Amino acid sequence: MIFRIFIFLLLSSCTKESYQWYNGSIAKALSKISNEPEKILFLDFYSENWGACVRLDAETLSNQAVITFSKQNFISIKLKPWTDEDASELFNSFNGTGIPLLLYLNGDGIEIDRIAGYYPADEYLKKITDIYNGVDTFLSLKNSFISGSRTSEMLSKLSEKCKSSADVEFCNSVYLDIIDNNSNLDSAVVFTAELFFAKNQLNKDGTPSEMIRLINKHDNLDYQKDAYQTLVYHYQRSGEMVDEAKIYKEFSDKFNADSNILNGYAWRMTELKLNLEDALIKSTLAAQLTAENPENQANILDTKAEILWLLDRYEEAIDVINLAIDINSDSDYFREQKIKFQNSKKE
């Protein structure tokens, strides 16, 4: 009897349903939706080599409740913007900045809403249920605005949605309305509008004066952080490496108690091969700040080791990567780094 139960459980686990991905083109998927108008097109921009994407697949999109809901209501397509030119062009057209980016489109190819980043299964299921039902989606809020609604709550929600929206013309109208009628709105909503127009100027003619004015105007560190990150991303995207390194250094100087900013700056400098001595100081500080968080500290130690390697300080690079390996002995990447450093030492 026990053996039969074991076999039943084994067979049950083997027959769990997998997420259903559509293998056709987006055009064919939209045509398919014309015959199934109750369905939504779901585009998952991802990479097999990016941790948050891997985790989303393994933990969230493998959840049976998520699979069942998605199968009933979505036509789902996976796209690789980092390696596929067409996917990259589409990603950029939707103002994509990071992955995973999850887009939900209606049958006309118009964005209903989006989700950026990883969420655990229960939170993700709540979000996609709201998207399917049109609860506070970008499209539902847009339609309310066009119909004349200007409540503070609606403008606040729409302001947040417009941060990542590709509908620049519409969001321009939203933010103009916020600037003109800001007395009843939260300061964060007004700042988002100010940031939007400063970003527009930056993208239009490369002039950072409005963004720098925002940094100097606001004492709120979160506002300053948003402005700095926008500047850094702009210079990175436009290939202005010297300006990027300069503003990123200023950013890391001001936020020198934030290990994520320090490590992000230090690692980016290894890619640009600029400010390496300063990056070494910042990575050392970041490692000290994460002493009680070994997992994060291991990644920061890897950054520090990479900098030392670029500075031809091979012995020190090996010593530091060994510390990272001591924390995470299962990391193949850390071991590969060590081999790289050792080979450089032999040359």
Protein backbone atom coordinates (compact mmCIF):
# COMPACT_ATOMS: atom_id res chain seq x y z
CA MET A 1 0.00 0.00 0.00
CA ILE A 2 2.79 2.45 0.93
CA PHE A 3 4.55 1.59 -2.34
CA ARG A 4 1.39 2.42 -4.35
CA ILE A 5 1.03 5.78 -2.59
CA PHE A 6 4.67 6.56 -3.35
CA ILE A 7 4.17 5.74 -7.04
CA PHE A 8 1.01 7.91 -7.17
CA LEU A 9 2.82 10.88 -5.61
CA LEU A 10 5.76 10.40 -7.95
CA LEU A 11 3.52 10.34 -11.01
CA SER A 12 1.59 13.38 -9.76
CA SER A 13 4.77 15.39 -9.36
CA CYS A 14 5.88 14.41 -12.86
CA THR A 15 2.62 15.58 -14.44
CA LYS A 16 2.69 19.12 -13.05
CA GLU A 17 1.78 21.55 -15.80
CA SER A 18 4.51 23.79 -17.20
CA TYR A 19 4.09 27.39 -18.25
CA GLN A 20 2.64 27.59 -21.75
CA TRP A 21 4.73 29.77 -24.09
CA TYR A 22 3.57 30.70 -27.57
CA ASN A 23 6.17 29.99 -30.26
CA GLY A 24 4.66 32.13 -33.02
CA SER A 25 5.35 35.76 -33.85
CA ILE A 26 3.82 38.73 -32.06
CA ALA A 27 1.79 39.52 -35.18
CA LYS A 28 0.35 36.00 -35.17
CA ALA A 29 -0.37 36.24 -31.46
CA LEU A 30 -2.29 39.49 -31.95
CA SER A 31 -4.22 37.86 -34.80
CA LYS A 32 -5.00 34.97 -32.49
CA ILE A 33 -6.29 37.40 -29.86
CA SER A 34 -8.72 38.85 -32.42
CA ASN A 35 -10.47 35.45 -32.23
CA GLU A 36 -10.05 35.27 -28.44
CA PRO A 37 -10.69 38.92 -27.40
CA GLU A 38 -10.81 38.02 -23.73
CA LYS A 39 -7.08 37.26 -23.81
CA ILE A 40 -4.10 39.57 -23.32
CA LEU A 41 -0.68 39.39 -24.99
CA PHE A 42 2.09 38.96 -22.40
CA LEU A 43 5.67 39.74 -23.45
CA ASP A 44 8.46 38.59 -21.13
CA PHE A 45 11.75 40.37 -21.93
CA TYR A 46 14.41 38.27 -20.23
CA SER A 47 17.87 36.73 -20.32
CA GLU A 48 18.89 33.24 -19.27
CA ASN A 49 22.02 34.79 -17.76
CA TRP A 50 20.35 37.36 -15.51
CA GLY A 51 19.62 36.36 -11.93
CA ALA A 52 16.24 38.07 -11.52
CA CYS A 53 14.99 36.49 -14.78
CA VAL A 54 16.17 33.04 -13.75
CA ARG A 55 14.49 33.45 -10.38
CA LEU A 56 11.25 34.66 -11.96
CA ASP A 57 11.12 31.55 -14.14
CA ALA A 58 12.11 29.15 -11.37
CA GLU A 59 9.99 30.51 -8.52
CA THR A 60 7.11 32.56 -9.98
CA LEU A 61 6.25 31.38 -13.48
CA SER A 62 6.52 27.78 -12.30
CA ASN A 63 3.79 28.31 -9.69
CA GLN A 64 0.69 26.28 -10.58
CA ALA A 65 -1.78 29.05 -9.78
CA VAL A 66 0.20 31.47 -11.96
CA ILE A 67 0.40 28.88 -14.76
CA THR A 68 -3.35 28.18 -14.66
CA PHE A 69 -4.33 31.87 -14.64
CA SER A 70 -1.86 32.73 -17.41
CA LYS A 71 -2.96 29.84 -19.62
CA GLN A 72 -6.60 30.95 -19.35
CA ASN A 73 -6.02 34.66 -19.90
CA PHE A 74 -2.71 35.29 -21.69
CA ILE A 75 -0.87 34.46 -24.86
CA SER A 76 2.70 34.51 -23.58
CA ILE A 77 5.90 35.13 -25.57
CA LYS A 78 9.49 35.18 -24.33
CA LEU A 79 11.92 37.68 -25.90
CA LYS A 80 15.69 38.18 -25.48
CA PRO A 81 16.49 41.89 -25.90
CA TRP A 82 20.19 41.44 -25.10
CA THR A 83 20.88 38.96 -27.90
CA ASP A 84 18.09 39.36 -30.46
CA GLU A 85 18.08 42.52 -32.59
CA ASP A 86 14.31 42.57 -33.21
CA ALA A 87 13.58 41.96 -29.53
CA SER A 88 16.03 44.72 -28.59
CA GLU A 89 14.33 47.17 -30.95
CA LEU A 90 10.91 46.32 -29.50
CA PHE A 91 12.28 46.59 -25.95
CA ASN A 92 13.61 50.08 -26.68
CA SER A 93 10.36 51.13 -28.37
CA PHE A 94 8.58 50.37 -25.09
CA ASN A 95 11.17 52.42 -23.16
CA GLY A 96 12.68 49.33 -21.58
CA THR A 97 15.58 50.00 -19.23
CA GLY A 98 16.06 46.71 -17.36
CA ILE A 99 15.03 43.09 -17.27
CA PRO A 100 12.89 41.24 -16.51
CA LEU A 101 10.39 43.58 -18.14
CA LEU A 102 6.89 42.12 -18.39
CA LEU A 103 4.48 43.86 -20.77
CA TYR A 104 0.75 43.24 -21.14
CA LEU A 105 -0.86 44.37 -24.41
CA ASN A 106 -4.40 44.37 -25.72
CA GLY A 107 -5.44 43.02 -29.11
CA ASP A 108 -4.44 46.30 -30.79
CA GLY A 109 -0.90 46.00 -29.44
CA ILE A 110 -1.49 48.86 -26.98
CA GLU A 111 0.14 48.60 -23.57
CA ILE A 112 -2.30 47.86 -20.77
CA ASP A 113 0.34 47.80 -18.06
CA ARG A 114 3.78 46.49 -17.16
CA ILE A 115 5.68 44.84 -14.34
CA ALA A 116 9.39 45.46 -13.86
CA GLY A 117 11.62 43.05 -11.97
CA TYR A 118 11.07 39.94 -9.89
CA TYR A 119 8.06 39.30 -7.65
CA PRO A 120 7.23 36.14 -5.68
CA ALA A 121 4.32 34.08 -6.99
CA ASP A 122 1.62 35.39 -4.65
CA GLU A 123 2.43 39.06 -5.32
CA TYR A 124 2.77 38.45 -9.05
CA LEU A 125 -0.58 36.65 -9.23
CA LYS A 126 -2.27 39.60 -7.50
CA LYS A 127 -0.68 42.02 -9.96
CA ILE A 128 -1.65 40.11 -13.11
CA THR A 129 -5.18 39.56 -11.80
CA ASP A 130 -5.52 43.34 -11.39
CA ILE A 131 -4.03 43.91 -14.85
CA TYR A 132 -6.47 41.46 -16.44
CA ASN A 133 -9.39 43.10 -14.64
CA GLY A 134 -8.25 46.63 -15.50
CA VAL A 135 -7.66 47.69 -11.90
CA ASP A 136 -5.48 50.84 -11.82
CA THR A 137 -3.60 49.87 -14.97
CA PHE A 138 -1.78 52.45 -17.05
CA LEU A 139 -4.44 52.15 -19.76
CA SER A 140 -7.42 52.46 -17.38
CA LEU A 141 -5.88 55.48 -15.66
CA LYS A 142 -5.04 57.03 -19.04
CA ASN A 143 -8.64 56.65 -20.17
CA SER A 144 -9.85 58.25 -16.92
CA PHE A 145 -7.50 61.21 -17.45
CA ILE A 146 -8.65 61.66 -21.05
CA SER A 147 -12.25 61.59 -19.80
CA GLY A 148 -11.49 64.54 -17.52
CA SER A 149 -10.70 62.96 -14.15
CA ARG A 150 -8.11 64.91 -12.16
CA THR A 151 -8.35 63.52 -8.62
CA SER A 152 -5.18 63.65 -6.56
CA GLU A 153 -5.27 59.87 -6.13
CA MET A 154 -5.58 59.25 -9.86
CA LEU A 155 -2.83 61.74 -10.75
CA SER A 156 -0.55 60.17 -8.14
CA LYS A 157 -1.04 56.69 -9.59
CA LEU A 158 -0.69 57.89 -13.17
CA SER A 159 2.46 59.83 -12.30
CA GLU A 160 4.05 56.61 -11.07
CA LYS A 161 2.97 54.71 -14.20
CA CYS A 162 4.36 57.41 -16.48
CA LYS A 163 7.84 56.98 -15.00
CA SER A 164 8.41 54.00 -17.28
CA SER A 165 5.80 54.55 -20.00
CA ALA A 166 6.76 54.89 -23.66
CA ASP A 167 3.76 57.19 -24.23
CA VAL A 168 5.80 60.38 -23.86
CA GLU A 169 3.25 62.71 -25.44
CA PHE A 170 0.46 61.62 -23.12
CA CYS A 171 2.69 61.65 -20.03
CA ASN A 172 3.82 65.15 -20.97
CA SER A 173 0.18 66.23 -20.61
CA VAL A 174 -0.12 64.45 -17.27
CA TYR A 175 3.00 66.04 -15.82
CA LEU A 176 2.07 69.51 -17.12
CA ASP A 177 -1.22 69.14 -15.28
CA ILE A 178 0.64 68.12 -12.12
CA ILE A 179 3.00 71.10 -12.34
CA ASP A 180 0.11 73.52 -12.91
CA ASN A 181 -2.03 72.10 -10.10
CA ASN A 182 0.49 70.92 -7.52
CA SER A 183 -0.92 72.49 -4.37
CA ASN A 184 -2.98 69.42 -3.47
CA LEU A 185 -0.40 66.83 -4.52
CA ASP A 186 2.30 65.04 -2.58
CA SER A 187 5.80 66.44 -3.09
CA ALA A 188 6.97 63.09 -4.52
CA VAL A 189 4.39 63.35 -7.31
CA VAL A 190 5.50 66.89 -8.14
CA PHE A 191 9.15 65.82 -8.13
CA THR A 192 8.35 63.02 -10.58
CA ALA A 193 6.91 65.63 -12.95
CA GLU A 194 9.99 67.85 -12.53
CA LEU A 195 12.24 64.87 -13.19
CA PHE A 196 10.28 64.03 -16.35
CA PHE A 197 10.85 67.47 -17.87
CA ALA A 198 14.51 67.54 -16.80
CA LYS A 199 14.95 64.13 -18.44
CA ASN A 200 13.27 65.39 -21.62
CA GLN A 201 15.73 68.26 -21.81
CA LEU A 202 18.62 65.88 -21.24
CA ASN A 203 17.45 63.54 -24.01
CA LYS A 204 16.70 66.40 -26.40
CA ASP A 205 19.95 68.35 -26.34
CA GLY A 206 22.20 66.62 -23.80
CA THR A 207 21.98 69.57 -21.40
CA PRO A 208 22.13 68.42 -17.74
CA SER A 209 21.40 71.84 -16.21
CA GLU A 210 17.79 71.05 -15.19
CA MET A 211 18.81 67.73 -13.67
CA ILE A 212 21.60 69.37 -11.70
CA ARG A 213 19.14 72.09 -10.60
CA LEU A 214 16.88 69.36 -9.19
CA ILE A 215 19.79 67.82 -7.28
CA ASN A 216 20.63 71.20 -5.76
CA LYS A 217 17.00 72.17 -5.16
CA HIS A 218 15.90 69.15 -3.14
CA ASP A 219 17.28 68.01 0.21
CA ASN A 220 15.40 64.72 -0.08
CA LEU A 221 18.07 62.07 -0.69
CA ASP A 222 15.70 59.81 -2.62
CA TYR A 223 15.01 62.65 -5.06
CA GLN A 224 18.72 63.33 -5.46
CA LYS A 225 19.35 59.64 -6.02
CA ASP A 226 16.75 59.49 -8.81
CA ALA A 227 18.29 62.50 -10.53
CA TYR A 228 21.82 61.13 -10.31
CA GLN A 229 20.75 57.71 -11.60
CA THR A 230 18.99 59.38 -14.54
CA LEU A 231 22.17 61.28 -15.42
CA VAL A 232 24.34 58.18 -15.13
CA TYR A 233 21.98 56.16 -17.33
CA HIS A 234 21.81 58.95 -19.92
CA TYR A 235 25.59 59.16 -20.26
CA GLN A 236 25.88 55.37 -20.34
CA ARG A 237 23.27 55.04 -23.09
CA SER A 238 24.81 57.84 -25.16
CA GLY A 239 28.33 56.44 -24.82
CA GLU A 240 29.74 59.52 -23.07
CA MET A 241 32.12 57.55 -20.87
CA VAL A 242 34.11 60.42 -19.35
CA ASP A 243 30.95 62.31 -18.34
CA GLU A 244 29.43 59.10 -17.01
CA ALA A 245 32.49 58.36 -14.87
CA LYS A 246 32.56 61.94 -13.58
CA ILE A 247 28.88 62.09 -12.53
CA TYR A 248 28.95 58.51 -11.19
CA LYS A 249 31.94 59.41 -8.99
CA GLU A 250 30.08 62.46 -7.68
CA PHE A 251 27.04 60.24 -7.03
CA SER A 252 29.10 57.67 -5.10
CA ASP A 253 30.89 60.42 -3.14
CA LYS A 254 27.57 61.82 -1.93
CA PHE A 255 26.02 58.40 -1.17
CA ASN A 256 29.10 56.81 0.36
CA ALA A 257 27.07 54.97 3.00
CA ASP A 258 25.07 53.04 0.39
CA SER A 259 26.87 49.80 -0.46
CA ASN A 260 24.78 49.19 -3.58
CA ILE A 261 25.66 52.56 -5.08
CA LEU A 262 29.32 52.16 -4.16
CA ASN A 263 29.53 48.68 -5.67
CA GLY A 264 27.56 49.68 -8.77
CA TYR A 265 29.96 52.56 -9.35
CA ALA A 266 33.04 50.43 -8.71
CA TRP A 267 31.95 47.65 -11.07
CA ARG A 268 30.99 50.13 -13.80
CA MET A 269 34.46 51.64 -13.55
CA THR A 270 35.94 48.20 -14.25
CA GLU A 271 33.93 48.17 -17.48
CA LEU A 272 34.97 51.71 -18.41
CA LYS A 273 38.51 51.25 -17.05
CA LEU A 274 38.32 54.69 -15.50
CA ASN A 275 38.69 55.98 -11.90
CA LEU A 276 40.09 52.60 -10.85
CA GLU A 277 41.96 53.84 -7.77
CA ASP A 278 38.83 55.59 -6.53
CA ALA A 279 36.75 52.51 -7.41
CA LEU A 280 39.10 50.42 -5.27
CA ILE A 281 38.51 52.73 -2.29
CA LYS A 282 34.74 52.60 -2.84
CA SER A 283 34.64 48.80 -3.19
CA THR A 284 36.66 48.43 0.02
CA LEU A 285 34.20 50.68 1.83
CA ALA A 286 31.22 48.78 0.37
CA ALA A 287 32.71 45.49 1.60
CA GLN A 288 33.05 46.95 5.09
CA LEU A 289 29.44 48.17 5.03
CA THR A 290 28.18 44.67 4.18
CA ALA A 291 30.15 42.79 6.84
CA GLU A 292 26.89 41.45 8.30
CA ASN A 293 25.51 40.42 4.90
CA PRO A 294 27.97 37.81 3.58
CA GLU A 295 26.10 37.11 0.32
CA ASN A 296 26.25 40.75 -0.74
CA GLN A 297 29.77 41.09 0.57
CA ALA A 298 30.97 38.22 -1.62
CA ASN A 299 29.78 40.01 -4.76
CA ILE A 300 31.45 43.23 -3.63
CA LEU A 301 34.68 41.37 -2.95
CA ASP A 302 34.52 40.09 -6.51
CA THR A 303 34.29 43.71 -7.70
CA LYS A 304 37.31 44.64 -5.59
CA ALA A 305 39.28 41.67 -6.93
CA GLU A 306 38.44 42.67 -10.51
CA ILE A 307 39.75 46.18 -9.87
CA LEU A 308 42.97 44.86 -8.36
CA TRP A 309 43.39 42.60 -11.40
CA LEU A 310 42.96 45.56 -13.76
CA LEU A 311 45.58 47.42 -11.73
CA ASP A 312 47.97 44.44 -12.27
CA ARG A 313 47.93 43.66 -8.54
CA TYR A 314 47.41 39.95 -9.17
CA GLU A 315 48.41 38.54 -5.76
CA GLU A 316 46.00 40.88 -4.00
CA ALA A 317 43.25 40.03 -6.50
CA ILE A 318 43.71 36.32 -5.75
CA ASP A 319 43.63 36.95 -1.99
CA VAL A 320 40.39 38.93 -2.26
CA ILE A 321 38.59 36.49 -4.56
CA ASN A 322 39.57 33.73 -2.10
CA LEU A 323 37.57 35.62 0.55
CA ALA A 324 34.57 35.60 -1.78
CA ILE A 325 35.03 31.86 -2.39
CA ASP A 326 35.20 31.28 1.38
CA ILE A 327 31.75 32.92 1.64
CA ASN A 328 30.26 31.15 -1.38
CA SER A 329 32.21 28.01 -2.19
CA ASP A 330 29.56 26.88 -4.70
CA SER A 331 30.13 29.77 -7.06
CA ASP A 332 31.63 28.62 -10.35
CA TYR A 333 31.97 32.26 -11.36
CA PHE A 334 34.23 33.10 -8.41
CA ARG A 335 36.43 30.10 -9.19
CA GLU A 336 36.66 31.17 -12.83
CA GLN A 337 37.69 34.62 -11.67
CA LYS A 338 40.44 33.11 -9.56
CA ILE A 339 41.75 31.11 -12.52
CA LYS A 340 41.76 34.29 -14.63
CA PHE A 341 43.80 36.11 -12.00
CA GLN A 342 46.21 33.20 -11.60
CA ASN A 343 46.77 32.97 -15.37
CA SER A 344 47.56 36.68 -15.50
CA LYS A 345 50.11 36.23 -12.74
CA LYS A 346 51.89 33.50 -14.74
CA GLU A 347 52.20 35.62 -17.88
